[in-house]
Amino acid sequence: MHLTAQSPGWAAPALESFEAAWRGQQQARAEAVATARAAADRDAERAKAYVADVWERTGSGPTWTELGDALGWAPALRERINRTLAREGVLSYRPEPRSLAVAGGPGAVEG
């Protein structure tokens, strides 16, 4: 049976339940940001070393998945961590595959 606002016995969910869900989502987002920030701070030098090594060995950059696997980053946080490192001038990338590079190094996006 399908209940609608006109159905006898139907009651709208309490606003508090929606607010609680929204607060939970906001808290989860804030935790993801903090976790990614900590990983970017902790692993910046390791990320640079790994990316530089891949460029030296292969002539192209690693994928974000390869970098995340090598540094043990959670898959759900990899994009956020990579973008943080790029914003801070540690790494750079272009839309092309395997363009992840150490900022200022081989394959890096300039300016």
Protein backbone atom coordinates (compact mmCIF):
# COMPACT_ATOMS: atom_id res chain seq x y z
CA MET A 1 0.00 0.00 0.00
CA HIS A 2 1.21 3.50 -0.78
CA LEU A 3 0.66 6.24 1.79
CA THR A 4 0.33 9.87 0.80
CA ALA A 5 -0.20 13.06 2.76
CA GLN A 6 -3.93 12.55 2.20
CA SER A 7 -3.91 8.98 3.58
CA PRO A 8 -5.50 8.43 6.96
CA GLY A 9 -2.82 7.92 9.60
CA TRP A 10 -0.03 9.52 7.56
CA ALA A 11 2.30 11.81 9.47
CA ALA A 12 5.23 13.79 8.12
CA PRO A 13 8.61 12.74 9.47
CA ALA A 14 9.84 14.99 12.22
CA LEU A 15 12.10 17.81 11.11
CA GLU A 16 14.56 16.69 13.77
CA SER A 17 15.22 13.44 11.89
CA PHE A 18 16.19 15.35 8.74
CA GLU A 19 18.38 17.74 10.73
CA ALA A 20 20.11 14.83 12.47
CA ALA A 21 20.85 13.19 9.12
CA TRP A 22 22.19 16.46 7.73
CA ARG A 23 24.44 16.95 10.78
CA GLY A 24 25.73 13.39 10.34
CA GLN A 25 26.59 14.09 6.70
CA GLN A 26 28.35 17.31 7.62
CA GLN A 27 30.36 15.55 10.32
CA ALA A 28 31.37 12.75 7.92
CA ARG A 29 32.47 15.35 5.34
CA ALA A 30 34.51 17.25 7.94
CA GLU A 31 36.18 14.01 9.06
CA ALA A 32 37.08 13.14 5.44
CA VAL A 33 38.58 16.61 4.95
CA ALA A 34 40.62 16.30 8.15
CA THR A 35 41.82 12.79 7.29
CA ALA A 36 42.85 13.85 3.77
CA ARG A 37 44.58 16.96 5.13
CA ALA A 38 46.57 14.83 7.61
CA ALA A 39 47.56 12.38 4.86
CA ALA A 40 48.65 15.22 2.55
CA ASP A 41 50.75 16.78 5.32
CA ARG A 42 52.24 13.46 6.41
CA ASP A 43 52.93 12.02 2.95
CA ALA A 44 53.89 15.00 0.76
CA GLU A 45 57.58 14.08 0.59
CA ARG A 46 56.85 10.36 0.10
CA ALA A 47 54.40 11.24 -2.70
CA LYS A 48 57.01 13.42 -4.44
CA ALA A 49 59.63 10.67 -4.17
CA TYR A 50 57.27 8.01 -5.53
CA VAL A 51 56.06 10.14 -8.45
CA ALA A 52 59.63 11.20 -9.34
CA ASP A 53 60.76 7.56 -9.27
CA VAL A 54 57.93 6.47 -11.59
CA TRP A 55 58.79 9.28 -14.03
CA GLU A 56 62.46 8.28 -13.96
CA ARG A 57 61.71 4.59 -14.56
CA THR A 58 58.87 4.89 -17.10
CA GLY A 59 58.91 8.36 -18.65
CA SER A 60 55.38 9.05 -17.43
CA GLY A 61 53.62 9.55 -14.15
CA PRO A 62 51.76 7.06 -12.00
CA THR A 63 47.99 6.91 -11.86
CA TRP A 64 46.26 8.28 -8.77
CA THR A 65 45.38 4.68 -7.90
CA GLU A 66 49.02 3.58 -8.11
CA LEU A 67 50.13 6.49 -5.90
CA GLY A 68 47.33 5.81 -3.42
CA ASP A 69 48.17 2.11 -3.29
CA ALA A 70 51.88 2.83 -2.77
CA LEU A 71 51.19 5.24 0.08
CA GLY A 72 48.33 3.28 1.64
CA TRP A 73 45.63 5.92 1.14
CA ALA A 74 41.99 4.92 1.42
CA PRO A 75 40.41 4.81 -2.06
CA ALA A 76 37.66 7.21 -1.01
CA LEU A 77 40.25 9.87 -0.07
CA ARG A 78 42.69 9.65 -3.01
CA GLU A 79 41.12 12.33 -5.17
CA ARG A 80 40.88 14.74 -2.24
CA ILE A 81 44.52 14.09 -1.21
CA ASN A 82 45.86 14.49 -4.77
CA ARG A 83 43.95 17.73 -5.27
CA THR A 84 45.24 19.02 -1.93
CA LEU A 85 48.82 18.22 -2.91
CA ALA A 86 48.32 19.94 -6.27
CA ARG A 87 46.76 23.03 -4.66
CA GLU A 88 49.77 23.27 -2.37
CA GLY A 89 52.25 23.04 -5.23
CA VAL A 90 53.60 19.60 -4.33
CA LEU A 91 52.20 17.69 -7.33
CA SER A 92 50.62 18.72 -10.63
CA TYR A 93 48.45 16.94 -13.17
CA ARG A 94 46.58 17.40 -16.43
CA PRO A 95 43.47 15.64 -17.72
CA GLU A 96 45.61 13.18 -19.70
CA PRO A 97 46.32 9.73 -18.22
CA ARG A 98 49.59 9.35 -16.32
CA SER A 99 50.21 13.10 -16.13
CA LEU A 100 50.68 13.14 -12.34
CA ALA A 101 54.06 14.82 -11.73
CA VAL A 102 56.14 16.50 -9.07
CA ALA A 103 55.53 20.24 -9.37
CA GLY A 104 58.48 21.69 -11.26
CA GLY A 105 59.70 18.24 -12.30
CA PRO A 106 59.46 16.23 -15.54
CA GLY A 107 55.92 16.28 -16.93
CA ALA A 108 54.80 19.00 -14.52
CA VAL A 109 52.11 21.48 -15.43
CA GLU A 110 53.67 24.92 -15.44
CA GLY A 111 51.96 28.17 -14.47
